[in-house]
């Protein structure tokens, strides 16, 4: 058996989305690239998918991962969807530079989509070239795997490869292609697409498909579609709470970028907070601050309202009843979000059981961080190291706040609260370190890795992937990656890369 036959056998596709009616997508093959070269294969993920990493690294494997060779069983297609982009309605978007190859069922029994990103133009490209360049591909690889290490639901990256092309953006850049793995690529915008066309049959088929594949318990409910909306709202609340607790800014929370099963997807101008600023915006295209860090929970709920509006005809023939059920289902978002964020921030502070006043302590800390320009990640991580009964090492944290008197007063309140818990310093420190990462994909490090890669040096890229695999673990050989950027290293804008 040669490598081509072996790989075709190992890619045991079972493509449920391709069995939906043709109006859900457009079938086409990836555009071939001249000289594919593998940059990085996620060997751990390949094994989870039941694939052989060694064979994927062979020339035929690279041909598959670059779109030049379609393995047996794959059914490449560009998915159709619509969306609200920065609040403005766009009736047709779709995969303009990505193709869903098919679906694999991993060794864990979970069905996952395998998608090529940067695979060439599609009917949805809107005059774009359908290609991707090296920088955004590496950014997505680093940050998506970093999010996975942080325990945040996310699409993941199986591979990144150079294409041997030069792609014009503001200048010529090396072309690249990414193989993305996600539990689903169905979005809020997918539902909006059929709703806008008044294709109630298509809307129902889509909802039934999502219930069958992702939310089977909803199918057992008296009203499966209302139950579906309820479950989606819960997933999104969990996801956004995790974003907020680690300082992640998605950057472009359009409805076409909100995946229905609650994974982070479509990494474009995303970033992590350095100094804590609730109104922080990195995206170069978010001129009004719609998707600022502090706005993310309410934007997620706004997107859910769009989903609820699209699903109204499915939920009930009686409009008033449908609206009432949508409001009830979406209302769970705020409840779950507050619960998850509250329990998360309390754990970050070392509190085991919530008591009155805990949220005020947390909010006051965030206020002091914003007032003094304190680093979000380092503040929480350094609090882990302090002693409840001694202030001998407080300078470690206080220097982040410019030795603010108000912060010193906050430390006294925090210690008094910790005394109620009765935990010894070692146990508290250990617990806090499981929820307060030492390492995050800092913007300046990601940008430095990209600059190095443009000069054919992937050393920093490899190091960052290693570090972010275990972000809660102190790794002394990489302790310099914990540091916030110096003034000249600060990243003020990030770009979507299209």
Protein backbone atom coordinates (compact mmCIF):
# COMPACT_ATOMS: atom_id res chain seq x y z
CA UNK A 1 0.00 0.00 0.00
CA UNK A 2 1.52 3.36 -1.02
CA UNK A 3 1.25 6.61 0.98
CA UNK A 4 -1.63 7.91 -1.13
CA UNK A 5 -3.69 4.78 -0.53
CA UNK A 6 -2.74 4.70 3.15
CA UNK A 7 -3.74 8.31 3.74
CA UNK A 8 -6.98 7.85 1.86
CA UNK A 9 -7.75 4.91 4.12
CA UNK A 10 -6.89 6.85 7.28
CA UNK A 11 -9.04 9.86 6.27
CA UNK A 12 -12.27 8.02 7.03
CA UNK A 13 -14.61 10.85 6.11
CA UNK A 14 -18.30 10.76 6.97
CA UNK A 15 -19.63 14.04 5.60
CA UNK A 16 -23.02 14.80 7.10
CA UNK A 17 -23.10 18.46 6.00
CA UNK A 18 -22.52 17.44 2.38
CA UNK A 19 -25.70 15.36 2.59
CA UNK A 20 -27.79 18.49 3.12
CA UNK A 21 -29.42 20.05 0.03
CA UNK A 22 -27.16 21.75 -2.51
CA UNK A 23 -28.39 25.25 -1.58
CA UNK A 24 -26.46 24.96 1.68
CA UNK A 25 -23.10 25.16 -0.08
CA UNK A 26 -21.19 25.19 -3.35
CA UNK A 27 -19.08 22.17 -4.28
CA UNK A 28 -15.64 22.94 -5.68
CA UNK A 29 -12.03 21.88 -5.33
CA UNK A 30 -9.21 23.86 -3.76
CA UNK A 31 -7.03 25.89 -6.09
CA UNK A 32 -3.71 24.11 -6.45
CA UNK A 33 -0.56 25.77 -5.16
CA UNK A 34 2.84 25.65 -6.85
CA UNK A 35 5.30 24.53 -4.15
CA UNK A 36 3.69 23.42 -0.88
CA UNK A 37 6.01 23.16 2.11
CA UNK A 38 4.91 22.11 5.59
CA UNK A 39 5.65 24.63 8.32
CA UNK A 40 4.16 22.78 11.25
CA UNK A 41 2.03 19.69 11.83
CA UNK A 42 0.07 19.40 15.07
CA UNK A 43 1.05 15.81 15.75
CA UNK A 44 -0.95 15.52 18.97
CA UNK A 45 -4.15 16.63 17.21
CA UNK A 46 -3.44 14.35 14.25
CA UNK A 47 -3.29 11.37 16.60
CA UNK A 48 -6.57 12.42 18.24
CA UNK A 49 -8.14 12.37 14.77
CA UNK A 50 -6.79 8.88 14.10
CA UNK A 51 -4.25 10.11 11.55
CA UNK A 52 -0.59 9.12 11.21
CA UNK A 53 1.63 12.19 11.70
CA UNK A 54 4.60 10.58 9.98
CA UNK A 55 2.63 9.94 6.81
CA UNK A 56 1.09 13.42 6.91
CA UNK A 57 4.62 14.82 6.81
CA UNK A 58 5.44 12.94 3.60
CA UNK A 59 5.15 14.74 0.23
CA UNK A 60 1.67 13.29 -0.43
CA UNK A 61 0.57 14.29 3.06
CA UNK A 62 1.70 17.85 2.43
CA UNK A 63 -0.13 17.79 -0.90
CA UNK A 64 -3.34 16.95 0.98
CA UNK A 65 -2.77 19.58 3.66
CA UNK A 66 -2.17 22.23 0.99
CA UNK A 67 -5.22 21.34 -1.10
CA UNK A 68 -3.30 19.92 -4.05
CA UNK A 69 -4.58 16.39 -3.44
CA UNK A 70 -8.07 15.50 -2.30
CA UNK A 71 -8.15 12.27 -0.26
CA UNK A 72 -10.77 9.65 -0.95
CA UNK A 73 -14.02 10.40 0.80
CA UNK A 74 -13.48 14.16 1.00
CA UNK A 75 -16.23 16.32 -0.52
CA UNK A 76 -14.85 19.87 -0.66
CA UNK A 77 -17.47 22.59 -0.35
CA UNK A 78 -17.82 26.27 0.49
CA UNK A 79 -20.57 26.84 3.05
CA UNK A 80 -23.21 29.51 2.48
CA UNK A 81 -24.08 31.97 5.23
CA UNK A 82 -24.98 35.60 5.82
CA UNK A 83 -24.28 37.87 8.77
CA UNK A 84 -24.34 41.16 10.60
CA UNK A 85 -20.92 42.75 10.22
CA UNK A 86 -20.35 45.54 12.74
CA UNK A 87 -24.12 45.64 13.11
CA UNK A 88 -24.77 46.02 9.36
CA UNK A 89 -26.73 43.36 7.53
CA UNK A 90 -24.97 41.50 4.69
CA UNK A 91 -27.34 39.00 3.04
CA UNK A 92 -24.67 36.77 1.48
CA UNK A 93 -21.18 36.05 2.79
CA UNK A 94 -20.14 32.41 2.80
CA UNK A 95 -16.70 30.80 2.73
CA UNK A 96 -14.72 33.17 0.57
CA UNK A 97 -11.32 31.59 1.13
CA UNK A 98 -12.03 28.32 2.90
CA UNK A 99 -13.31 24.89 1.96
CA UNK A 100 -14.76 22.21 4.18
CA UNK A 101 -13.03 19.00 3.12
CA UNK A 102 -15.26 16.77 5.20
CA UNK A 103 -15.76 15.37 8.69
CA UNK A 104 -13.71 12.91 10.70
CA UNK A 105 -14.78 11.05 13.81
CA UNK A 106 -11.82 11.10 16.18
CA UNK A 107 -10.64 8.43 18.58
CA UNK A 108 -12.73 10.17 21.26
CA UNK A 109 -15.87 9.62 19.18
CA UNK A 110 -16.33 13.33 18.45
CA UNK A 111 -17.15 14.37 14.90
CA UNK A 112 -15.01 17.26 13.66
CA UNK A 113 -14.88 19.35 10.51
CA UNK A 114 -11.64 19.47 8.55
CA UNK A 115 -11.36 22.78 6.69
CA UNK A 116 -8.69 24.34 4.50
CA UNK A 117 -8.26 28.09 5.03
CA UNK A 118 -6.61 30.04 2.21
CA UNK A 119 -7.57 27.42 -0.38
CA UNK A 120 -8.46 29.80 -3.22
CA UNK A 121 -11.47 31.77 -4.49
CA UNK A 122 -15.03 30.54 -4.21
CA UNK A 123 -18.34 31.99 -5.46
CA UNK A 124 -18.49 33.79 -2.08
CA UNK A 125 -15.11 35.54 -2.42
CA UNK A 126 -16.57 38.91 -3.43
CA UNK A 127 -13.63 39.74 -5.73
CA UNK A 128 -11.10 38.46 -3.20
CA UNK A 129 -8.26 36.13 -4.16
CA UNK A 130 -9.29 33.45 -1.67
CA UNK A 131 -5.75 33.13 -0.44
CA UNK A 132 -4.09 33.66 2.94
CA UNK A 133 -0.68 35.01 3.81
CA UNK A 134 1.86 33.68 6.28
CA UNK A 135 1.36 36.16 9.14
CA UNK A 136 -2.36 35.61 9.82
CA UNK A 137 -1.94 31.85 9.41
CA UNK A 138 0.76 31.74 12.08
CA UNK A 139 -1.27 34.07 14.30
CA UNK A 140 -4.25 31.70 14.14
CA UNK A 141 -2.05 28.68 14.80
CA UNK A 142 -0.40 30.23 17.87
CA UNK A 143 -3.51 31.76 19.39
CA UNK A 144 -5.91 28.89 18.71
CA UNK A 145 -3.51 26.40 20.28
CA UNK A 146 -2.86 28.87 23.10
CA UNK A 147 -6.60 29.06 23.74
CA UNK A 148 -6.76 25.28 23.82
CA UNK A 149 -3.99 25.22 26.42
CA UNK A 150 -5.94 27.74 28.50
CA UNK A 151 -8.96 25.44 28.45
CA UNK A 152 -11.07 27.74 26.29
CA UNK A 153 -13.28 26.05 23.67
CA UNK A 154 -11.73 26.73 20.28
CA UNK A 155 -11.25 25.64 16.73
CA UNK A 156 -7.78 24.15 16.43
CA UNK A 157 -5.04 23.99 13.85
CA UNK A 158 -3.90 20.70 12.34
CA UNK A 159 -1.25 22.19 10.07
CA UNK A 160 0.21 25.28 8.46
CA UNK A 161 2.00 25.20 5.13
CA UNK A 162 3.63 27.61 2.74
CA UNK A 163 2.21 27.57 -0.79
CA UNK A 164 5.19 28.80 -2.77
CA UNK A 165 3.28 31.88 -3.91
CA UNK A 166 3.58 35.58 -3.25
CA UNK A 167 0.23 37.15 -2.29
CA UNK A 168 -0.46 40.86 -2.63
CA UNK A 169 -1.91 42.66 0.36
CA UNK A 170 -0.43 46.07 1.19
CA UNK A 171 2.74 44.45 -0.22
CA UNK A 172 3.80 40.99 -1.35
CA UNK A 173 3.78 38.32 1.37
CA UNK A 174 4.43 34.57 1.32
CA UNK A 175 1.24 32.63 0.71
CA UNK A 176 0.18 30.06 3.29
CA UNK A 177 -2.65 27.66 4.00
CA UNK A 178 -4.03 26.38 7.30
CA UNK A 179 -5.92 23.19 8.08
CA UNK A 180 -8.53 24.02 10.69
CA UNK A 181 -10.36 21.53 12.89
CA UNK A 182 -13.63 22.43 14.62
CA UNK A 183 -16.67 20.64 15.95
CA UNK A 184 -18.73 22.71 13.55
CA UNK A 185 -18.54 25.58 11.08
CA UNK A 186 -22.27 26.36 11.35
CA UNK A 187 -22.67 29.95 12.49
CA UNK A 188 -25.41 32.30 13.62
CA UNK A 189 -25.08 33.73 10.12
CA UNK A 190 -25.94 30.33 8.63
CA UNK A 191 -29.38 30.55 10.23
CA UNK A 192 -29.71 34.17 9.13
CA UNK A 193 -28.96 33.15 5.54
CA UNK A 194 -32.04 30.93 5.28
CA UNK A 195 -34.22 33.23 7.35
CA UNK A 196 -33.48 36.20 5.07
CA UNK A 197 -34.52 34.13 2.06
CA UNK A 198 -37.71 33.07 3.82
CA UNK A 199 -36.57 29.52 3.21
CA UNK A 200 -38.37 28.00 6.16
CA UNK A 201 -37.76 24.49 4.89
CA UNK A 202 -34.01 25.14 4.70
CA UNK A 203 -34.09 26.77 8.14
CA UNK A 204 -35.78 23.70 9.57
CA UNK A 205 -33.34 21.34 7.88
CA UNK A 206 -30.44 23.32 9.29
CA UNK A 207 -31.88 23.38 12.81
CA UNK A 208 -32.66 19.66 12.69
CA UNK A 209 -29.12 18.99 11.49
CA UNK A 210 -27.57 21.03 14.32
CA UNK A 211 -29.79 19.33 16.90
CA UNK A 212 -29.00 15.87 15.56
CA UNK A 213 -25.24 16.45 15.40
CA UNK A 214 -24.55 18.75 18.34
CA UNK A 215 -27.52 18.99 20.71
CA UNK A 216 -29.34 15.64 20.72
CA UNK A 217 -30.92 16.34 24.11
CA UNK A 218 -32.73 19.33 22.59
CA UNK A 219 -34.40 16.92 20.19
CA UNK A 220 -36.10 15.22 23.12
CA UNK A 221 -37.74 18.45 24.29
CA UNK A 222 -41.35 19.44 23.73
CA UNK A 223 -40.11 22.29 21.53
CA UNK A 224 -36.72 21.21 20.12
CA UNK A 225 -36.04 24.57 18.44
CA UNK A 226 -36.61 26.59 21.58
CA UNK A 227 -34.42 24.09 23.43
CA UNK A 228 -31.74 24.49 20.77
CA UNK A 229 -31.66 28.26 21.24
CA UNK A 230 -31.47 27.76 25.00
CA UNK A 231 -28.50 25.37 24.66
CA UNK A 232 -26.67 27.69 22.26
CA UNK A 233 -27.11 30.59 24.71
CA UNK A 234 -25.60 28.50 27.52
CA UNK A 235 -22.60 27.53 25.37
CA UNK A 236 -21.98 31.15 24.41
CA UNK A 237 -22.24 32.34 28.01
CA UNK A 238 -19.63 29.80 29.08
CA UNK A 239 -17.35 30.80 26.22
CA UNK A 240 -17.52 34.57 26.70
CA UNK A 241 -16.97 34.23 30.45
CA UNK A 242 -13.77 32.33 29.73
CA UNK A 243 -12.66 35.04 27.27
CA UNK A 244 -13.23 37.75 29.86
CA UNK A 245 -11.41 35.88 32.60
CA UNK A 246 -8.24 35.51 30.53
CA UNK A 247 -8.30 38.94 28.87
CA UNK A 248 -9.01 37.74 25.33
CA UNK A 249 -10.41 40.10 22.70
CA UNK A 250 -11.88 38.42 19.63
CA UNK A 251 -11.91 41.64 17.64
CA UNK A 252 -14.65 40.84 15.11
CA UNK A 253 -17.71 39.37 16.82
CA UNK A 254 -19.89 39.51 13.71
CA UNK A 255 -22.74 37.00 13.60
CA UNK A 256 -20.94 35.14 10.81
CA UNK A 257 -18.01 34.65 13.21
CA UNK A 258 -20.12 33.23 16.05
CA UNK A 259 -20.03 29.46 15.83
CA UNK A 260 -23.18 27.72 16.97
CA UNK A 261 -21.62 25.16 19.34
CA UNK A 262 -19.63 27.66 21.38
CA UNK A 263 -16.07 27.35 20.16
CA UNK A 264 -13.86 30.35 19.45
CA UNK A 265 -13.46 30.60 15.69
CA UNK A 266 -12.28 32.99 12.97
CA UNK A 267 -9.14 34.35 14.56
CA UNK A 268 -8.49 37.63 12.79
CA UNK A 269 -7.53 40.83 14.62
CA UNK A 270 -7.67 39.08 17.98
CA UNK A 271 -5.41 39.92 20.91
CA UNK A 272 -4.88 39.54 24.65
CA UNK A 273 -4.93 42.41 27.09
CA UNK A 274 -1.63 43.53 28.52
CA UNK A 275 -2.71 46.42 30.75
CA UNK A 276 -6.30 46.09 31.85
CA UNK A 277 -8.53 48.47 29.88
CA UNK A 278 -12.22 47.55 29.48
CA UNK A 279 -12.54 49.80 26.42
CA UNK A 280 -9.48 48.33 24.72
CA UNK A 281 -9.74 47.76 20.97
CA UNK A 282 -6.95 46.27 18.87
CA UNK A 283 -8.76 45.60 15.59
CA UNK A 284 -7.76 48.05 12.88
CA UNK A 285 -11.26 47.85 11.38
CA UNK A 286 -13.24 48.43 14.59
CA UNK A 287 -13.31 52.21 14.33
CA UNK A 288 -16.22 52.72 16.76
CA UNK A 289 -15.12 50.26 19.44
CA UNK A 290 -18.14 48.02 18.95
CA UNK A 291 -16.12 44.93 19.83
CA UNK A 292 -14.04 46.40 22.67
CA UNK A 293 -13.06 43.99 25.43
CA UNK A 294 -15.75 45.11 27.87
CA UNK A 295 -18.48 45.00 25.22
CA UNK A 296 -18.08 41.32 24.41
CA UNK A 297 -20.80 39.90 26.70
CA UNK A 298 -23.49 42.27 25.41
CA UNK A 299 -22.42 41.73 21.80
CA UNK A 300 -22.71 37.97 22.27
CA UNK A 301 -26.23 38.48 23.55
CA UNK A 302 -27.00 40.78 20.61
CA UNK A 303 -25.85 38.03 18.27
CA UNK A 304 -28.11 35.55 20.07
CA UNK A 305 -31.03 37.91 19.51
CA UNK A 306 -30.23 37.76 15.79
CA UNK A 307 -30.27 33.96 16.00
CA UNK A 308 -33.57 34.03 17.88
CA UNK A 309 -35.13 36.31 15.27
CA UNK A 310 -34.01 33.95 12.51
CA UNK A 311 -35.53 30.97 14.32
CA UNK A 312 -38.91 32.56 15.15
CA UNK A 313 -40.84 30.67 12.42
CA UNK A 314 -39.53 27.36 13.74
CA UNK A 315 -40.30 27.99 17.39
CA UNK A 316 -44.01 28.71 16.98
CA UNK A 317 -46.61 29.64 14.36
CA UNK A 318 -47.92 32.12 16.88
CA UNK A 319 -45.60 35.13 16.68
CA UNK A 320 -46.24 36.33 20.24
CA UNK A 321 -45.55 32.86 21.61
CA UNK A 322 -42.40 32.56 19.51
CA UNK A 323 -41.08 35.93 20.69
CA UNK A 324 -41.82 35.04 24.31
CA UNK A 325 -39.93 31.74 24.01
CA UNK A 326 -36.98 33.42 22.29
CA UNK A 327 -36.74 36.03 25.05
CA UNK A 328 -36.82 33.32 27.69
CA UNK A 329 -34.16 31.23 25.97
CA UNK A 330 -31.83 34.17 25.35
CA UNK A 331 -32.40 35.45 28.88
CA UNK A 332 -30.44 32.48 30.20
CA UNK A 333 -27.29 33.98 28.68
CA UNK A 334 -27.00 36.75 31.29
CA UNK A 335 -27.71 34.38 34.15
CA UNK A 336 -25.15 31.79 33.10
CA UNK A 337 -22.58 34.40 32.12
CA UNK A 338 -22.77 36.09 35.52
CA UNK A 339 -22.53 32.74 37.30
CA UNK A 340 -19.49 31.63 35.31
CA UNK A 341 -17.70 34.98 35.44
CA UNK A 342 -18.39 35.33 39.18
CA UNK A 343 -17.16 31.86 40.07
CA UNK A 344 -14.16 32.37 37.80
CA UNK A 345 -13.05 35.72 39.19
CA UNK A 346 -13.50 34.49 42.76
CA UNK A 347 -11.29 31.49 42.02
CA UNK A 348 -8.68 33.79 40.46
CA UNK A 349 -8.58 35.71 43.75
CA UNK A 350 -8.11 32.55 45.80
CA UNK A 351 -11.61 32.48 47.32
CA UNK A 352 -13.21 29.06 47.60
CA UNK A 353 -16.71 30.01 48.72
CA UNK A 354 -18.47 33.18 47.62
CA UNK A 355 -19.63 35.51 50.38
CA UNK A 356 -21.10 38.99 50.39
CA UNK A 357 -18.60 41.57 49.27
CA UNK A 358 -16.48 39.27 47.10
CA UNK A 359 -17.63 40.77 43.81
CA UNK A 360 -16.93 44.26 45.12
CA UNK A 361 -13.39 43.17 46.00
CA UNK A 362 -12.98 41.85 42.46
CA UNK A 363 -14.46 44.95 40.85
CA UNK A 364 -12.27 47.22 42.97
CA UNK A 365 -9.17 45.31 41.88
CA UNK A 366 -10.14 45.70 38.22
CA UNK A 367 -10.72 49.41 38.84
CA UNK A 368 -7.26 49.81 40.38
CA UNK A 369 -5.75 47.86 37.49
CA UNK A 370 -7.38 50.19 34.97
CA UNK A 371 -6.43 53.31 36.93
CA UNK A 372 -2.78 52.30 37.26
CA UNK A 373 -2.21 50.48 33.98
CA UNK A 374 -1.51 47.17 35.71
CA UNK A 375 -0.93 44.09 33.61
CA UNK A 376 -4.01 41.85 33.68
CA UNK A 377 -2.32 38.45 33.58
CA UNK A 378 0.66 39.30 35.79
CA UNK A 379 -1.51 40.88 38.49
CA UNK A 380 -3.43 37.69 39.11
CA UNK A 381 -0.39 35.44 38.73
CA UNK A 382 1.68 37.47 41.18
CA UNK A 383 -1.13 37.50 43.73
CA UNK A 384 -0.67 33.72 43.85
CA UNK A 385 2.80 34.21 45.35
CA UNK A 386 1.84 36.48 48.24
CA UNK A 387 1.50 35.31 51.81
CA UNK A 388 -1.74 35.86 53.67
CA UNK A 389 0.01 36.91 56.88
CA UNK A 390 3.13 38.63 55.57
CA UNK A 391 3.68 41.57 53.21
CA UNK A 392 7.40 40.91 52.75
CA UNK A 393 7.06 40.12 49.05
CA UNK A 394 4.28 42.54 48.13
CA UNK A 395 6.59 44.64 45.98
CA UNK A 396 6.35 41.88 43.40
CA UNK A 397 2.74 42.94 42.78
CA UNK A 398 2.76 46.54 43.97
CA UNK A 399 5.22 47.63 41.29
CA UNK A 400 2.54 46.80 38.70
CA UNK A 401 0.40 49.52 40.29
CA UNK A 402 3.08 52.17 40.73
CA UNK A 403 2.96 51.55 44.48
CA UNK A 404 -0.54 53.00 44.64
CA UNK A 405 -1.88 53.73 48.14
CA UNK A 406 -5.35 52.62 47.01
CA UNK A 407 -3.98 49.28 45.87
CA UNK A 408 -2.18 48.84 49.21
CA UNK A 409 -5.51 49.33 50.95
CA UNK A 410 -7.06 46.78 48.60
CA UNK A 411 -4.37 44.23 49.56
CA UNK A 412 -5.34 44.59 53.22
CA UNK A 413 -9.01 43.86 52.37
CA UNK A 414 -7.97 40.89 50.20
CA UNK A 415 -5.89 39.38 52.99
CA UNK A 416 -8.67 39.79 55.52
CA UNK A 417 -11.00 37.97 53.16
CA UNK A 418 -8.49 35.13 52.62
CA UNK A 419 -8.20 34.59 56.37
CA UNK A 420 -11.85 33.54 56.36
CA UNK A 421 -11.01 30.68 53.98
CA UNK A 422 -8.48 29.21 56.38
CA UNK A 423 -6.30 27.76 53.62
CA UNK A 424 -2.56 27.67 54.08
CA UNK A 425 -0.44 29.60 51.62
CA UNK A 426 0.81 26.51 49.71
CA UNK A 427 -2.69 25.15 49.11
CA UNK A 428 -4.09 28.53 48.13
CA UNK A 429 -1.14 29.24 45.83
CA UNK A 430 -1.56 25.87 44.13
CA UNK A 431 -5.30 26.43 43.61
CA UNK A 432 -4.80 29.94 42.28
CA UNK A 433 -2.13 28.83 39.83
CA UNK A 434 -4.55 26.40 38.20
CA UNK A 435 -6.77 29.31 37.08
CA UNK A 436 -4.24 32.12 36.65
CA UNK A 437 -1.94 31.43 33.69
CA UNK A 438 1.73 32.32 33.77
CA UNK A 439 1.79 32.57 30.00
CA UNK A 440 -0.63 33.97 27.43
CA UNK A 441 -0.05 34.58 23.71
CA UNK A 442 1.16 38.13 24.22
CA UNK A 443 0.67 40.31 21.19
CA UNK A 444 4.26 41.48 20.91
CA UNK A 445 5.58 37.93 21.05
CA UNK A 446 3.16 36.75 18.37
CA UNK A 447 4.15 39.67 16.16
CA UNK A 448 7.85 38.97 16.74
CA UNK A 449 7.33 35.32 15.79
CA UNK A 450 5.61 36.42 12.59
CA UNK A 451 8.41 38.87 11.72
CA UNK A 452 10.99 36.16 12.27
CA UNK A 453 9.02 33.72 10.12
CA UNK A 454 8.88 36.23 7.26
CA UNK A 455 12.67 35.94 7.39
CA UNK A 456 12.38 32.13 7.35
CA UNK A 457 13.13 31.76 11.07
CA UNK A 458 10.43 29.71 12.80
CA UNK A 459 12.33 29.24 16.07
CA UNK A 460 10.22 31.62 18.17
CA UNK A 461 7.02 30.25 16.61
CA UNK A 462 8.02 26.75 17.79
CA UNK A 463 8.95 27.97 21.28
CA UNK A 464 5.65 29.77 21.74
CA UNK A 465 3.68 26.69 20.77
CA UNK A 466 5.63 24.70 23.36
CA UNK A 467 5.07 27.28 26.10
CA UNK A 468 1.36 27.74 25.42
CA UNK A 469 0.70 24.03 25.59
CA UNK A 470 1.02 24.29 29.40
CA UNK A 471 0.29 27.96 30.18
CA UNK A 472 -0.51 27.46 33.88
CA UNK A 473 2.82 25.76 34.55
CA UNK A 474 5.79 27.89 35.52
CA UNK A 475 8.46 27.18 32.92
CA UNK A 476 11.65 28.88 34.13
CA UNK A 477 13.47 28.47 30.84
CA UNK A 478 10.79 30.66 29.24
CA UNK A 479 10.16 33.10 32.08
CA UNK A 480 10.99 36.04 29.79
CA UNK A 481 7.80 35.23 27.88
CA UNK A 482 5.81 36.18 30.99
CA UNK A 483 6.90 39.79 30.82
CA UNK A 484 4.62 42.49 29.42
CA UNK A 485 5.87 44.46 26.44
CA UNK A 486 8.26 47.36 26.81
CA UNK A 487 7.03 50.69 25.48
CA UNK A 488 8.55 50.12 22.03
CA UNK A 489 7.16 46.56 21.86
CA UNK A 490 3.51 47.41 22.46
CA UNK A 491 1.07 46.33 19.77
CA UNK A 492 -1.66 48.91 19.25
CA UNK A 493 -3.45 47.40 16.26
CA UNK A 494 -4.04 43.95 14.86
CA UNK A 495 -5.31 43.07 11.41
CA UNK A 496 -7.70 40.48 10.03
CA UNK A 497 -5.37 39.34 7.26
CA UNK A 498 -7.95 39.08 4.50
